């Protein structure tokens, strides 16, 4: 049994945006993994795990 994709959830300290990264794609993002997709600042780690009840509050970062 699998719980699905592991996500890392972040909040930007600059603009306040909430976002998540799919850990299985960390090689695609390289050094940018965890950075805010809006302003590029490293995000503040909030939590990690499979899909969460508040998942819709954290849009997934796409390349």
PDB file of N, CA and C in Angstrom:
ATOM      1  N   UNK A   1       0.842  -1.180   0.000  1.00  0.00           N
ATOM      2  CA  UNK A   1       0.000   0.000   0.000  1.00  0.00           C
ATOM      3  C   UNK A   1       0.882   1.237   0.000  1.00  0.00           C
ATOM      4  N   UNK A   2       0.474   2.231  -0.733  1.00  0.00           N
ATOM      5  CA  UNK A   2       1.229   3.474  -0.802  1.00  0.00           C
ATOM      6  C   UNK A   2       0.329   4.650  -0.418  1.00  0.00           C
ATOM      7  N   UNK A   3       0.947   5.675   0.108  1.00  0.00           N
ATOM      8  CA  UNK A   3       0.212   6.875   0.482  1.00  0.00           C
ATOM      9  C   UNK A   3       0.284   7.915  -0.628  1.00  0.00           C
ATOM     10  N   UNK A   4       0.949   7.580  -1.706  1.00  0.00           N
ATOM     11  CA  UNK A   4       1.066   8.518  -2.813  1.00  0.00           C
ATOM     12  C   UNK A   4       2.309   9.374  -2.695  1.00  0.00           C
ATOM     13  N   UNK A   5       2.294  10.447  -3.397  1.00  0.00           N
ATOM     14  CA  UNK A   5       3.436  11.364  -3.467  1.00  0.00           C
ATOM     15  C   UNK A   5       3.704  12.021  -2.119  1.00  0.00           C
ATOM     16  N   UNK A   6       4.975  12.202  -1.817  1.00  0.00           N
ATOM     17  CA  UNK A   6       5.390  12.922  -0.619  1.00  0.00           C
ATOM     18  C   UNK A   6       5.579  14.381  -1.005  1.00  0.00           C
ATOM     19  N   UNK A   7       4.915  15.270  -0.294  1.00  0.00           N
ATOM     20  CA  UNK A   7       5.023  16.702  -0.558  1.00  0.00           C
ATOM     21  C   UNK A   7       5.737  17.398   0.585  1.00  0.00           C
ATOM     22  N   UNK A   8       6.461  18.455   0.235  1.00  0.00           N
ATOM     23  CA  UNK A   8       7.050  19.353   1.213  1.00  0.00           C
ATOM     24  C   UNK A   8       6.283  20.670   1.090  1.00  0.00           C
ATOM     25  N   UNK A   9       5.697  21.111   2.197  1.00  0.00           N
ATOM     26  CA  UNK A   9       4.849  22.308   2.225  1.00  0.00           C
ATOM     27  C   UNK A   9       5.646  23.481   2.784  1.00  0.00           C
ATOM     28  N   UNK A  10       5.510  24.633   2.123  1.00  0.00           N
ATOM     29  CA  UNK A  10       6.264  25.832   2.491  1.00  0.00           C
ATOM     30  C   UNK A  10       5.359  27.052   2.513  1.00  0.00           C
ATOM     31  N   UNK A  11       5.864  28.097   3.188  1.00  0.00           N
ATOM     32  CA  UNK A  11       5.248  29.422   3.128  1.00  0.00           C
ATOM     33  C   UNK A  11       6.370  30.422   2.888  1.00  0.00           C
ATOM     34  N   UNK A  12       6.119  31.373   2.005  1.00  0.00           N
ATOM     35  CA  UNK A  12       7.128  32.374   1.672  1.00  0.00           C
ATOM     36  C   UNK A  12       7.200  33.436   2.772  1.00  0.00           C
ATOM     37  N   UNK A  13       8.404  33.724   3.290  1.00  0.00           N
ATOM     38  CA  UNK A  13       8.540  34.763   4.309  1.00  0.00           C
ATOM     39  C   UNK A  13       8.397  36.173   3.736  1.00  0.00           C
ATOM     40  N   UNK A  14       8.537  36.338   2.429  1.00  0.00           N
ATOM     41  CA  UNK A  14       8.429  37.656   1.797  1.00  0.00           C
ATOM     42  C   UNK A  14       6.988  38.011   1.436  1.00  0.00           C
ATOM     43  N   UNK A  15       6.358  37.160   0.598  1.00  0.00           N
ATOM     44  CA  UNK A  15       5.029  37.507   0.082  1.00  0.00           C
ATOM     45  C   UNK A  15       3.899  36.727   0.764  1.00  0.00           C
ATOM     46  N   UNK A  16       4.236  35.738   1.588  1.00  0.00           N
ATOM     47  CA  UNK A  16       3.227  34.991   2.332  1.00  0.00           C
ATOM     48  C   UNK A  16       2.561  33.865   1.555  1.00  0.00           C
ATOM     49  N   UNK A  17       2.975  33.641   0.309  1.00  0.00           N
ATOM     50  CA  UNK A  17       2.371  32.578  -0.503  1.00  0.00           C
ATOM     51  C   UNK A  17       2.635  31.208   0.111  1.00  0.00           C
ATOM     52  N   UNK A  18       1.648  30.337   0.024  1.00  0.00           N
ATOM     53  CA  UNK A  18       1.804  28.954   0.453  1.00  0.00           C
ATOM     54  C   UNK A  18       1.945  28.106  -0.795  1.00  0.00           C
ATOM     55  N   UNK A  19       2.832  27.112  -0.762  1.00  0.00           N
ATOM     56  CA  UNK A  19       3.073  26.275  -1.920  1.00  0.00           C
ATOM     57  C   UNK A  19       3.662  24.947  -1.465  1.00  0.00           C
ATOM     58  N   UNK A  20       3.648  23.962  -2.384  1.00  0.00           N
ATOM     59  CA  UNK A  20       4.211  22.658  -2.069  1.00  0.00           C
ATOM     60  C   UNK A  20       5.028  22.158  -3.244  1.00  0.00           C
ATOM     61  N   UNK A  21       6.026  21.336  -2.924  1.00  0.00           N
ATOM     62  CA  UNK A  21       6.857  20.687  -3.919  1.00  0.00           C
ATOM     63  C   UNK A  21       6.688  19.180  -3.792  1.00  0.00           C
ATOM     64  N   UNK A  22       6.594  18.513  -4.928  1.00  0.00           N
ATOM     65  CA  UNK A  22       6.538  17.052  -4.994  1.00  0.00           C
ATOM     66  C   UNK A  22       7.965  16.547  -4.822  1.00  0.00           C
ATOM     67  N   UNK A  23       8.230  15.830  -3.736  1.00  0.00           N
ATOM     68  CA  UNK A  23       9.593  15.391  -3.432  1.00  0.00           C
ATOM     69  C   UNK A  23      10.157  14.473  -4.510  1.00  0.00           C
ATOM     70  N   UNK A  24       9.314  13.711  -5.190  1.00  0.00           N
ATOM     71  CA  UNK A  24       9.817  12.796  -6.222  1.00  0.00           C
ATOM     72  C   UNK A  24      10.383  13.554  -7.426  1.00  0.00           C
ATOM     73  N   UNK A  25      10.116  14.851  -7.513  1.00  0.00           N
ATOM     74  CA  UNK A  25      10.618  15.669  -8.611  1.00  0.00           C
ATOM     75  C   UNK A  25      11.758  16.594  -8.182  1.00  0.00           C
ATOM     76  N   UNK A  26      12.372  16.332  -7.019  1.00  0.00           N
ATOM     77  CA  UNK A  26      13.385  17.252  -6.499  1.00  0.00           C
ATOM     78  C   UNK A  26      14.576  17.425  -7.433  1.00  0.00           C
ATOM     79  N   UNK A  27      14.922  16.401  -8.212  1.00  0.00           N
ATOM     80  CA  UNK A  27      16.045  16.536  -9.146  1.00  0.00           C
ATOM     81  C   UNK A  27      15.729  17.526 -10.262  1.00  0.00           C
ATOM     82  N   UNK A  28      14.465  17.633 -10.638  1.00  0.00           N
ATOM     83  CA  UNK A  28      14.077  18.567 -11.699  1.00  0.00           C
ATOM     84  C   UNK A  28      14.241  20.026 -11.253  1.00  0.00           C
ATOM     85  N   UNK A  29      14.049  20.285  -9.968  1.00  0.00           N
ATOM     86  CA  UNK A  29      14.116  21.654  -9.459  1.00  0.00           C
ATOM     87  C   UNK A  29      15.522  22.030  -9.000  1.00  0.00           C
ATOM     88  N   UNK A  30      16.312  21.064  -8.625  1.00  0.00           N
ATOM     89  CA  UNK A  30      17.682  21.325  -8.192  1.00  0.00           C
ATOM     90  C   UNK A  30      17.745  22.303  -7.035  1.00  0.00           C
ATOM     91  N   UNK A  31      18.556  23.338  -7.186  1.00  0.00           N
ATOM     92  CA  UNK A  31      18.755  24.337  -6.131  1.00  0.00           C
ATOM     93  C   UNK A  31      17.496  25.144  -5.839  1.00  0.00           C
ATOM     94  N   UNK A  32      16.547  25.161  -6.761  1.00  0.00           N
ATOM     95  CA  UNK A  32      15.320  25.948  -6.586  1.00  0.00           C
ATOM     96  C   UNK A  32      14.287  25.239  -5.723  1.00  0.00           C
ATOM     97  N   UNK A  33      14.508  23.964  -5.373  1.00  0.00           N
ATOM     98  CA  UNK A  33      13.542  23.209  -4.577  1.00  0.00           C
ATOM     99  C   UNK A  33      13.303  23.939  -3.261  1.00  0.00           C
ATOM    100  N   UNK A  34      12.050  24.276  -2.978  1.00  0.00           N
ATOM    101  CA  UNK A  34      11.692  24.994  -1.756  1.00  0.00           C
ATOM    102  C   UNK A  34      11.601  26.491  -1.919  1.00  0.00           C
ATOM    103  N   UNK A  35      11.966  27.004  -3.098  1.00  0.00           N
ATOM    104  CA  UNK A  35      11.893  28.444  -3.337  1.00  0.00           C
ATOM    105  C   UNK A  35      10.480  28.857  -3.733  1.00  0.00           C
ATOM    106  N   UNK A  36      10.107  30.059  -3.364  1.00  0.00           N
ATOM    107  CA  UNK A  36       8.794  30.605  -3.700  1.00  0.00           C
ATOM    108  C   UNK A  36       8.669  30.768  -5.215  1.00  0.00           C
ATOM    109  N   UNK A  37       7.599  30.254  -5.805  1.00  0.00           N
ATOM    110  CA  UNK A  37       7.435  30.396  -7.255  1.00  0.00           C
ATOM    111  C   UNK A  37       7.090  31.826  -7.686  1.00  0.00           C
ATOM    112  N   UNK A  38       6.732  32.671  -6.737  1.00  0.00           N
ATOM    113  CA  UNK A  38       6.353  34.049  -7.067  1.00  0.00           C
ATOM    114  C   UNK A  38       7.564  34.979  -7.000  1.00  0.00           C
ATOM    115  N   UNK A  39       8.277  34.948  -5.869  1.00  0.00           N
ATOM    116  CA  UNK A  39       9.381  35.894  -5.715  1.00  0.00           C
ATOM    117  C   UNK A  39      10.765  35.249  -5.644  1.00  0.00           C
ATOM    118  N   UNK A  40      10.845  33.916  -5.634  1.00  0.00           N
ATOM    119  CA  UNK A  40      12.134  33.232  -5.685  1.00  0.00           C
ATOM    120  C   UNK A  40      12.882  33.128  -4.373  1.00  0.00           C
ATOM    121  N   UNK A  41      12.309  33.608  -3.291  1.00  0.00           N
ATOM    122  CA  UNK A  41      12.943  33.553  -1.975  1.00  0.00           C
ATOM    123  C   UNK A  41      12.785  32.138  -1.405  1.00  0.00           C
ATOM    124  N   UNK A  42      13.803  31.612  -0.696  1.00  0.00           N
ATOM    125  CA  UNK A  42      13.629  30.298  -0.071  1.00  0.00           C
ATOM    126  C   UNK A  42      12.446  30.315   0.905  1.00  0.00           C
ATOM    127  N   UNK A  43      11.572  29.323   0.739  1.00  0.00           N
ATOM    128  CA  UNK A  43      10.389  29.238   1.584  1.00  0.00           C
ATOM    129  C   UNK A  43      10.698  28.711   2.969  1.00  0.00           C
ATOM    130  N   UNK A  44       9.825  29.004   3.915  1.00  0.00           N
ATOM    131  CA  UNK A  44       9.918  28.482   5.264  1.00  0.00           C
ATOM    132  C   UNK A  44       9.174  27.155   5.313  1.00  0.00           C
ATOM    133  N   UNK A  45       9.897  26.111   5.725  1.00  0.00           N
ATOM    134  CA  UNK A  45       9.308  24.778   5.808  1.00  0.00           C
ATOM    135  C   UNK A  45       8.132  24.785   6.791  1.00  0.00           C
ATOM    136  N   UNK A  46       7.002  24.185   6.375  1.00  0.00           N
ATOM    137  CA  UNK A  46       5.825  24.095   7.231  1.00  0.00           C
ATOM    138  C   UNK A  46       5.621  22.652   7.686  1.00  0.00           C
ATOM    139  N   UNK A  47       5.606  21.712   6.733  1.00  0.00           N
ATOM    140  CA  UNK A  47       5.379  20.295   7.051  1.00  0.00           C
ATOM    141  C   UNK A  47       5.674  19.472   5.815  1.00  0.00           C
ATOM    142  N   UNK A  48       5.644  18.152   5.963  1.00  0.00           N
ATOM    143  CA  UNK A  48       5.756  17.270   4.818  1.00  0.00           C
ATOM    144  C   UNK A  48       4.844  16.081   5.027  1.00  0.00           C
ATOM    145  N   UNK A  49       4.583  15.351   3.952  1.00  0.00           N
ATOM    146  CA  UNK A  49       3.752  14.165   4.016  1.00  0.00           C
ATOM    147  C   UNK A  49       2.941  13.998   2.755  1.00  0.00           C
ATOM    148  N   UNK A  50       2.081  12.980   2.737  1.00  0.00           N
ATOM    149  CA  UNK A  50       1.186  12.811   1.588  1.00  0.00           C
ATOM    150  C   UNK A  50       0.126  13.906   1.600  1.00  0.00           C
ATOM    151  N   UNK A  51      -0.806  13.825   0.722  1.00  0.00           N
ATOM    152  CA  UNK A  51      -1.874  14.841   0.671  1.00  0.00           C
ATOM    153  C   UNK A  51      -2.448  15.077   2.063  1.00  0.00           C
ATOM    154  N   UNK A  52      -2.707  16.348   2.364  1.00  0.00           N
ATOM    155  CA  UNK A  52      -3.187  16.782   3.673  1.00  0.00           C
ATOM    156  C   UNK A  52      -4.613  17.324   3.540  1.00  0.00           C
ATOM    157  N   UNK A  53      -5.355  17.431   4.649  1.00  0.00           N
ATOM    158  CA  UNK A  53      -6.705  17.995   4.573  1.00  0.00           C
ATOM    159  C   UNK A  53      -6.727  19.421   3.995  1.00  0.00           C
ATOM    160  N   UNK A  54      -5.684  20.198   4.244  1.00  0.00           N
ATOM    161  CA  UNK A  54      -5.625  21.574   3.740  1.00  0.00           C
ATOM    162  C   UNK A  54      -4.819  21.688   2.447  1.00  0.00           C
ATOM    163  N   UNK A  55      -4.713  20.588   1.721  1.00  0.00           N
ATOM    164  CA  UNK A  55      -3.878  20.508   0.520  1.00  0.00           C
ATOM    165  C   UNK A  55      -4.210  21.591  -0.514  1.00  0.00           C
ATOM    166  N   UNK A  56      -5.470  21.941  -0.667  1.00  0.00           N
ATOM    167  CA  UNK A  56      -5.865  22.941  -1.667  1.00  0.00           C
ATOM    168  C   UNK A  56      -5.300  24.330  -1.350  1.00  0.00           C
ATOM    169  N   UNK A  57      -4.919  24.565  -0.096  1.00  0.00           N
ATOM    170  CA  UNK A  57      -4.335  25.859   0.290  1.00  0.00           C
ATOM    171  C   UNK A  57      -2.905  26.013  -0.200  1.00  0.00           C
ATOM    172  N   UNK A  58      -2.286  24.910  -0.631  1.00  0.00           N
ATOM    173  CA  UNK A  58      -0.886  24.889  -1.056  1.00  0.00           C
ATOM    174  C   UNK A  58      -0.795  24.447  -2.518  1.00  0.00           C
ATOM    175  N   UNK A  59      -0.809  25.366  -3.480  1.00  0.00           N
ATOM    176  CA  UNK A  59      -0.684  24.956  -4.880  1.00  0.00           C
ATOM    177  C   UNK A  59       0.663  24.291  -5.140  1.00  0.00           C
ATOM    178  N   UNK A  60       0.673  23.293  -6.006  1.00  0.00           N
ATOM    179  CA  UNK A  60       1.904  22.593  -6.333  1.00  0.00           C
ATOM    180  C   UNK A  60       2.730  23.422  -7.308  1.00  0.00           C
ATOM    181  N   UNK A  61       4.029  23.505  -7.048  1.00  0.00           N
ATOM    182  CA  UNK A  61       4.941  24.230  -7.932  1.00  0.00           C
ATOM    183  C   UNK A  61       5.251  23.343  -9.134  1.00  0.00           C
ATOM    184  N   UNK A  62       5.030  23.881 -10.308  1.00  0.00           N
ATOM    185  CA  UNK A  62       5.338  23.191 -11.560  1.00  0.00           C
ATOM    186  C   UNK A  62       6.500  23.924 -12.205  1.00  0.00           C
ATOM    187  N   UNK A  63       7.229  23.234 -13.048  1.00  0.00           N
ATOM    188  CA  UNK A  63       8.343  23.895 -13.739  1.00  0.00           C
ATOM    189  C   UNK A  63       7.862  24.869 -14.751  1.00  0.00           C
TER     190      UNK A  63
END
